């Protein structure tokens, strides 16, 4: 069953349980889930109030939807 998951963060979540911090993906675009791989850089041009649907490659925007339905 297909499913759309809405991620609203545009950067990673920092966890510091060890000597070196670990960054967990917060945007949903990483190819190394659950770890951040820097893919959140694709989120920098996203506008507030717009839903972005990314393609299977997780780097190409295939659809944009605004809160007003457009």
PDB file of N, CA and C in Angstrom:
ATOM      1  N   UNK A   1       0.847  -1.180   0.000  1.00  0.00           N
ATOM      2  CA  UNK A   1       0.000   0.000   0.000  1.00  0.00           C
ATOM      3  C   UNK A   1       0.887   1.236   0.000  1.00  0.00           C
ATOM      4  N   UNK A   2       0.684   2.170  -0.942  1.00  0.00           N
ATOM      5  CA  UNK A   2       1.482   3.382  -0.961  1.00  0.00           C
ATOM      6  C   UNK A   2       1.151   4.278   0.222  1.00  0.00           C
ATOM      7  N   UNK A   3       2.104   5.055   0.601  1.00  0.00           N
ATOM      8  CA  UNK A   3       1.929   5.910   1.767  1.00  0.00           C
ATOM      9  C   UNK A   3       2.752   7.166   1.579  1.00  0.00           C
ATOM     10  N   UNK A   4       2.204   8.314   1.945  1.00  0.00           N
ATOM     11  CA  UNK A   4       2.951   9.567   1.917  1.00  0.00           C
ATOM     12  C   UNK A   4       3.244   9.943   3.364  1.00  0.00           C
ATOM     13  N   UNK A   5       4.511  10.166   3.657  1.00  0.00           N
ATOM     14  CA  UNK A   5       4.917  10.563   4.997  1.00  0.00           C
ATOM     15  C   UNK A   5       5.358  12.014   4.937  1.00  0.00           C
ATOM     16  N   UNK A   6       4.814  12.842   5.780  1.00  0.00           N
ATOM     17  CA  UNK A   6       5.159  14.264   5.776  1.00  0.00           C
ATOM     18  C   UNK A   6       6.266  14.517   6.793  1.00  0.00           C
ATOM     19  N   UNK A   7       7.408  14.967   6.301  1.00  0.00           N
ATOM     20  CA  UNK A   7       8.517  15.395   7.151  1.00  0.00           C
ATOM     21  C   UNK A   7       8.562  16.907   7.084  1.00  0.00           C
ATOM     22  N   UNK A   8       8.636  17.556   8.226  1.00  0.00           N
ATOM     23  CA  UNK A   8       8.635  19.007   8.229  1.00  0.00           C
ATOM     24  C   UNK A   8       9.984  19.604   8.595  1.00  0.00           C
ATOM     25  N   UNK A   9      10.928  18.797   9.017  1.00  0.00           N
ATOM     26  CA  UNK A   9      12.253  19.318   9.322  1.00  0.00           C
ATOM     27  C   UNK A   9      13.031  19.506   8.028  1.00  0.00           C
ATOM     28  N   UNK A  10      13.961  20.415   8.040  1.00  0.00           N
ATOM     29  CA  UNK A  10      14.803  20.640   6.860  1.00  0.00           C
ATOM     30  C   UNK A  10      16.267  20.411   7.196  1.00  0.00           C
ATOM     31  N   UNK A  11      16.508  19.682   8.270  1.00  0.00           N
ATOM     32  CA  UNK A  11      17.877  19.366   8.664  1.00  0.00           C
ATOM     33  C   UNK A  11      17.889  18.171   9.588  1.00  0.00           C
ATOM     34  N   UNK A  12      19.078  17.741   9.998  1.00  0.00           N
ATOM     35  CA  UNK A  12      19.201  16.550  10.819  1.00  0.00           C
ATOM     36  C   UNK A  12      18.936  16.810  12.300  1.00  0.00           C
ATOM     37  N   UNK A  13      18.757  15.723  13.030  1.00  0.00           N
ATOM     38  CA  UNK A  13      18.607  15.761  14.479  1.00  0.00           C
ATOM     39  C   UNK A  13      19.933  15.284  15.065  1.00  0.00           C
ATOM     40  N   UNK A  14      20.537  16.093  15.900  1.00  0.00           N
ATOM     41  CA  UNK A  14      21.854  15.775  16.451  1.00  0.00           C
ATOM     42  C   UNK A  14      21.691  14.993  17.753  1.00  0.00           C
ATOM     43  N   UNK A  15      22.394  13.857  17.847  1.00  0.00           N
ATOM     44  CA  UNK A  15      22.392  13.031  19.051  1.00  0.00           C
ATOM     45  C   UNK A  15      23.842  12.885  19.490  1.00  0.00           C
ATOM     46  N   UNK A  16      24.111  13.129  20.782  1.00  0.00           N
ATOM     47  CA  UNK A  16      25.486  13.081  21.266  1.00  0.00           C
ATOM     48  C   UNK A  16      25.680  12.039  22.371  1.00  0.00           C
ATOM     49  N   UNK A  17      25.481  10.748  22.044  1.00  0.00           N
ATOM     50  CA  UNK A  17      25.648   9.737  23.081  1.00  0.00           C
ATOM     51  C   UNK A  17      27.086   9.253  23.230  1.00  0.00           C
ATOM     52  N   UNK A  18      27.976   9.640  22.318  1.00  0.00           N
ATOM     53  CA  UNK A  18      29.343   9.138  22.292  1.00  0.00           C
ATOM     54  C   UNK A  18      30.312  10.303  22.196  1.00  0.00           C
ATOM     55  N   UNK A  19      31.551   9.984  21.890  1.00  0.00           N
ATOM     56  CA  UNK A  19      32.555  11.023  21.707  1.00  0.00           C
ATOM     57  C   UNK A  19      32.266  11.870  20.473  1.00  0.00           C
ATOM     58  N   UNK A  20      31.716  11.229  19.443  1.00  0.00           N
ATOM     59  CA  UNK A  20      31.410  11.913  18.186  1.00  0.00           C
ATOM     60  C   UNK A  20      29.894  11.951  18.003  1.00  0.00           C
ATOM     61  N   UNK A  21      29.303  13.128  17.686  1.00  0.00           N
ATOM     62  CA  UNK A  21      27.849  13.192  17.521  1.00  0.00           C
ATOM     63  C   UNK A  21      27.357  12.367  16.328  1.00  0.00           C
ATOM     64  N   UNK A  22      26.121  11.918  16.428  1.00  0.00           N
ATOM     65  CA  UNK A  22      25.444  11.182  15.368  1.00  0.00           C
ATOM     66  C   UNK A  22      24.325  12.084  14.860  1.00  0.00           C
ATOM     67  N   UNK A  23      24.120  12.146  13.556  1.00  0.00           N
ATOM     68  CA  UNK A  23      23.065  12.961  12.984  1.00  0.00           C
ATOM     69  C   UNK A  23      22.021  12.049  12.352  1.00  0.00           C
ATOM     70  N   UNK A  24      20.776  12.163  12.823  1.00  0.00           N
ATOM     71  CA  UNK A  24      19.647  11.372  12.340  1.00  0.00           C
ATOM     72  C   UNK A  24      18.848  12.235  11.361  1.00  0.00           C
ATOM     73  N   UNK A  25      18.432  11.643  10.244  1.00  0.00           N
ATOM     74  CA  UNK A  25      17.692  12.372   9.217  1.00  0.00           C
ATOM     75  C   UNK A  25      16.383  12.926   9.773  1.00  0.00           C
ATOM     76  N   UNK A  26      16.120  14.181   9.485  1.00  0.00           N
ATOM     77  CA  UNK A  26      14.870  14.804   9.882  1.00  0.00           C
ATOM     78  C   UNK A  26      14.020  15.231   8.694  1.00  0.00           C
ATOM     79  N   UNK A  27      14.578  15.134   7.489  1.00  0.00           N
ATOM     80  CA  UNK A  27      13.856  15.600   6.300  1.00  0.00           C
ATOM     81  C   UNK A  27      13.241  14.459   5.494  1.00  0.00           C
ATOM     82  N   UNK A  28      13.734  13.229   5.672  1.00  0.00           N
ATOM     83  CA  UNK A  28      13.195  12.082   4.952  1.00  0.00           C
ATOM     84  C   UNK A  28      13.830  11.827   3.597  1.00  0.00           C
ATOM     85  N   UNK A  29      14.842  12.597   3.211  1.00  0.00           N
ATOM     86  CA  UNK A  29      15.431  12.455   1.884  1.00  0.00           C
ATOM     87  C   UNK A  29      16.715  11.626   1.854  1.00  0.00           C
ATOM     88  N   UNK A  30      17.241  11.260   3.020  1.00  0.00           N
ATOM     89  CA  UNK A  30      18.494  10.518   3.066  1.00  0.00           C
ATOM     90  C   UNK A  30      18.388   9.166   2.353  1.00  0.00           C
ATOM     91  N   UNK A  31      19.472   8.747   1.774  1.00  0.00           N
ATOM     92  CA  UNK A  31      19.536   7.417   1.165  1.00  0.00           C
ATOM     93  C   UNK A  31      20.169   6.430   2.133  1.00  0.00           C
ATOM     94  N   UNK A  32      20.506   6.894   3.333  1.00  0.00           N
ATOM     95  CA  UNK A  32      21.170   6.089   4.350  1.00  0.00           C
ATOM     96  C   UNK A  32      20.350   6.104   5.640  1.00  0.00           C
ATOM     97  N   UNK A  33      19.023   5.955   5.522  1.00  0.00           N
ATOM     98  CA  UNK A  33      18.132   6.060   6.676  1.00  0.00           C
ATOM     99  C   UNK A  33      18.515   5.060   7.754  1.00  0.00           C
ATOM    100  N   UNK A  34      18.540   5.466   9.006  1.00  0.00           N
ATOM    101  CA  UNK A  34      18.043   6.720   9.574  1.00  0.00           C
ATOM    102  C   UNK A  34      19.087   7.826   9.662  1.00  0.00           C
ATOM    103  N   UNK A  35      20.270   7.610   9.130  1.00  0.00           N
ATOM    104  CA  UNK A  35      21.346   8.575   9.294  1.00  0.00           C
ATOM    105  C   UNK A  35      21.332   9.650   8.213  1.00  0.00           C
ATOM    106  N   UNK A  36      21.707  10.862   8.597  1.00  0.00           N
ATOM    107  CA  UNK A  36      21.782  11.986   7.677  1.00  0.00           C
ATOM    108  C   UNK A  36      22.937  11.789   6.702  1.00  0.00           C
ATOM    109  N   UNK A  37      22.679  12.038   5.409  1.00  0.00           N
ATOM    110  CA  UNK A  37      23.748  11.986   4.406  1.00  0.00           C
ATOM    111  C   UNK A  37      23.918  13.329   3.696  1.00  0.00           C
ATOM    112  N   UNK A  38      23.306  14.382   4.245  1.00  0.00           N
ATOM    113  CA  UNK A  38      23.423  15.717   3.659  1.00  0.00           C
ATOM    114  C   UNK A  38      22.355  16.040   2.633  1.00  0.00           C
ATOM    115  N   UNK A  39      21.433  15.103   2.385  1.00  0.00           N
ATOM    116  CA  UNK A  39      20.388  15.321   1.377  1.00  0.00           C
ATOM    117  C   UNK A  39      19.449  16.465   1.735  1.00  0.00           C
ATOM    118  N   UNK A  40      19.435  16.894   3.003  1.00  0.00           N
ATOM    119  CA  UNK A  40      18.559  17.995   3.413  1.00  0.00           C
ATOM    120  C   UNK A  40      18.917  19.294   2.698  1.00  0.00           C
ATOM    121  N   UNK A  41      20.064  19.334   2.055  1.00  0.00           N
ATOM    122  CA  UNK A  41      20.428  20.529   1.283  1.00  0.00           C
ATOM    123  C   UNK A  41      19.434  20.765   0.154  1.00  0.00           C
ATOM    124  N   UNK A  42      18.731  19.708  -0.282  1.00  0.00           N
ATOM    125  CA  UNK A  42      17.691  19.852  -1.309  1.00  0.00           C
ATOM    126  C   UNK A  42      16.481  20.618  -0.777  1.00  0.00           C
ATOM    127  N   UNK A  43      16.361  20.757   0.537  1.00  0.00           N
ATOM    128  CA  UNK A  43      15.206  21.425   1.156  1.00  0.00           C
ATOM    129  C   UNK A  43      15.368  22.938   1.244  1.00  0.00           C
ATOM    130  N   UNK A  44      16.525  23.460   0.929  1.00  0.00           N
ATOM    131  CA  UNK A  44      16.778  24.886   1.162  1.00  0.00           C
ATOM    132  C   UNK A  44      15.865  25.817   0.367  1.00  0.00           C
ATOM    133  N   UNK A  45      15.383  25.391  -0.790  1.00  0.00           N
ATOM    134  CA  UNK A  45      14.519  26.249  -1.608  1.00  0.00           C
ATOM    135  C   UNK A  45      13.032  26.015  -1.358  1.00  0.00           C
ATOM    136  N   UNK A  46      12.692  25.090  -0.446  1.00  0.00           N
ATOM    137  CA  UNK A  46      11.278  24.819  -0.177  1.00  0.00           C
ATOM    138  C   UNK A  46      10.621  26.015   0.497  1.00  0.00           C
ATOM    139  N   UNK A  47       9.367  26.285   0.094  1.00  0.00           N
ATOM    140  CA  UNK A  47       8.610  27.408   0.635  1.00  0.00           C
ATOM    141  C   UNK A  47       7.650  26.923   1.717  1.00  0.00           C
ATOM    142  N   UNK A  48       7.459  27.736   2.740  1.00  0.00           N
ATOM    143  CA  UNK A  48       6.521  27.454   3.818  1.00  0.00           C
ATOM    144  C   UNK A  48       5.120  27.281   3.247  1.00  0.00           C
ATOM    145  N   UNK A  49       4.360  26.315   3.748  1.00  0.00           N
ATOM    146  CA  UNK A  49       2.986  26.110   3.308  1.00  0.00           C
ATOM    147  C   UNK A  49       2.856  25.322   2.018  1.00  0.00           C
ATOM    148  N   UNK A  50       3.957  24.724   1.555  1.00  0.00           N
ATOM    149  CA  UNK A  50       3.929  23.938   0.324  1.00  0.00           C
ATOM    150  C   UNK A  50       4.360  22.517   0.628  1.00  0.00           C
ATOM    151  N   UNK A  51       3.617  21.547   0.114  1.00  0.00           N
ATOM    152  CA  UNK A  51       3.967  20.135   0.248  1.00  0.00           C
ATOM    153  C   UNK A  51       4.773  19.745  -0.985  1.00  0.00           C
ATOM    154  N   UNK A  52       5.939  19.184  -0.789  1.00  0.00           N
ATOM    155  CA  UNK A  52       6.809  18.757  -1.882  1.00  0.00           C
ATOM    156  C   UNK A  52       6.804  17.245  -1.953  1.00  0.00           C
ATOM    157  N   UNK A  53       6.541  16.715  -3.141  1.00  0.00           N
ATOM    158  CA  UNK A  53       6.567  15.277  -3.368  1.00  0.00           C
ATOM    159  C   UNK A  53       7.818  14.988  -4.189  1.00  0.00           C
ATOM    160  N   UNK A  54       8.717  14.189  -3.615  1.00  0.00           N
ATOM    161  CA  UNK A  54       9.972  13.850  -4.282  1.00  0.00           C
ATOM    162  C   UNK A  54       9.823  12.505  -4.989  1.00  0.00           C
ATOM    163  N   UNK A  55      10.555  12.335  -6.075  1.00  0.00           N
ATOM    164  CA  UNK A  55      10.554  11.091  -6.828  1.00  0.00           C
ATOM    165  C   UNK A  55      11.339  10.008  -6.103  1.00  0.00           C
ATOM    166  N   UNK A  56      11.384   8.820  -6.683  1.00  0.00           N
ATOM    167  CA  UNK A  56      12.083   7.695  -6.060  1.00  0.00           C
ATOM    168  C   UNK A  56      13.567   7.955  -5.787  1.00  0.00           C
ATOM    169  N   UNK A  57      14.180   8.864  -6.553  1.00  0.00           N
ATOM    170  CA  UNK A  57      15.598   9.169  -6.329  1.00  0.00           C
ATOM    171  C   UNK A  57      15.806  10.080  -5.119  1.00  0.00           C
ATOM    172  N   UNK A  58      14.717  10.583  -4.535  1.00  0.00           N
ATOM    173  CA  UNK A  58      14.718  11.455  -3.354  1.00  0.00           C
ATOM    174  C   UNK A  58      15.464  12.769  -3.563  1.00  0.00           C
ATOM    175  N   UNK A  59      15.687  13.155  -4.823  1.00  0.00           N
ATOM    176  CA  UNK A  59      16.334  14.444  -5.072  1.00  0.00           C
ATOM    177  C   UNK A  59      15.580  15.277  -6.108  1.00  0.00           C
ATOM    178  N   UNK A  60      14.622  14.673  -6.814  1.00  0.00           N
ATOM    179  CA  UNK A  60      13.848  15.373  -7.830  1.00  0.00           C
ATOM    180  C   UNK A  60      12.440  15.631  -7.317  1.00  0.00           C
ATOM    181  N   UNK A  61      12.017  16.897  -7.348  1.00  0.00           N
ATOM    182  CA  UNK A  61      10.654  17.240  -6.942  1.00  0.00           C
ATOM    183  C   UNK A  61       9.736  16.925  -8.116  1.00  0.00           C
ATOM    184  N   UNK A  62       8.737  16.059  -7.888  1.00  0.00           N
ATOM    185  CA  UNK A  62       7.836  15.673  -8.962  1.00  0.00           C
ATOM    186  C   UNK A  62       6.484  16.378  -8.853  1.00  0.00           C
ATOM    187  N   UNK A  63       6.206  16.965  -7.683  1.00  0.00           N
ATOM    188  CA  UNK A  63       4.941  17.672  -7.501  1.00  0.00           C
ATOM    189  C   UNK A  63       5.067  18.636  -6.340  1.00  0.00           C
ATOM    190  N   UNK A  64       4.396  19.787  -6.463  1.00  0.00           N
ATOM    191  CA  UNK A  64       4.299  20.767  -5.384  1.00  0.00           C
ATOM    192  C   UNK A  64       2.831  21.058  -5.157  1.00  0.00           C
ATOM    193  N   UNK A  65       2.411  21.054  -3.895  1.00  0.00           N
ATOM    194  CA  UNK A  65       1.015  21.375  -3.556  1.00  0.00           C
ATOM    195  C   UNK A  65       1.028  22.458  -2.472  1.00  0.00           C
ATOM    196  N   UNK A  66       0.237  23.507  -2.668  1.00  0.00           N
ATOM    197  CA  UNK A  66       0.131  24.555  -1.657  1.00  0.00           C
ATOM    198  C   UNK A  66      -1.098  24.306  -0.798  1.00  0.00           C
ATOM    199  N   UNK A  67      -1.140  24.986   0.339  1.00  0.00           N
ATOM    200  CA  UNK A  67      -2.268  24.830   1.259  1.00  0.00           C
ATOM    201  C   UNK A  67      -3.596  25.209   0.629  1.00  0.00           C
ATOM    202  N   UNK A  68      -3.567  26.064  -0.397  1.00  0.00           N
ATOM    203  CA  UNK A  68      -4.808  26.486  -1.047  1.00  0.00           C
ATOM    204  C   UNK A  68      -5.244  25.503  -2.151  1.00  0.00           C
ATOM    205  N   UNK A  69      -4.543  24.331  -2.233  1.00  0.00           N
ATOM    206  CA  UNK A  69      -4.922  23.312  -3.187  1.00  0.00           C
ATOM    207  C   UNK A  69      -4.252  23.423  -4.530  1.00  0.00           C
ATOM    208  N   UNK A  70      -3.420  24.452  -4.738  1.00  0.00           N
ATOM    209  CA  UNK A  70      -2.782  24.675  -6.034  1.00  0.00           C
ATOM    210  C   UNK A  70      -1.461  24.015  -6.211  1.00  0.00           C
TER     211      UNK A  70
END
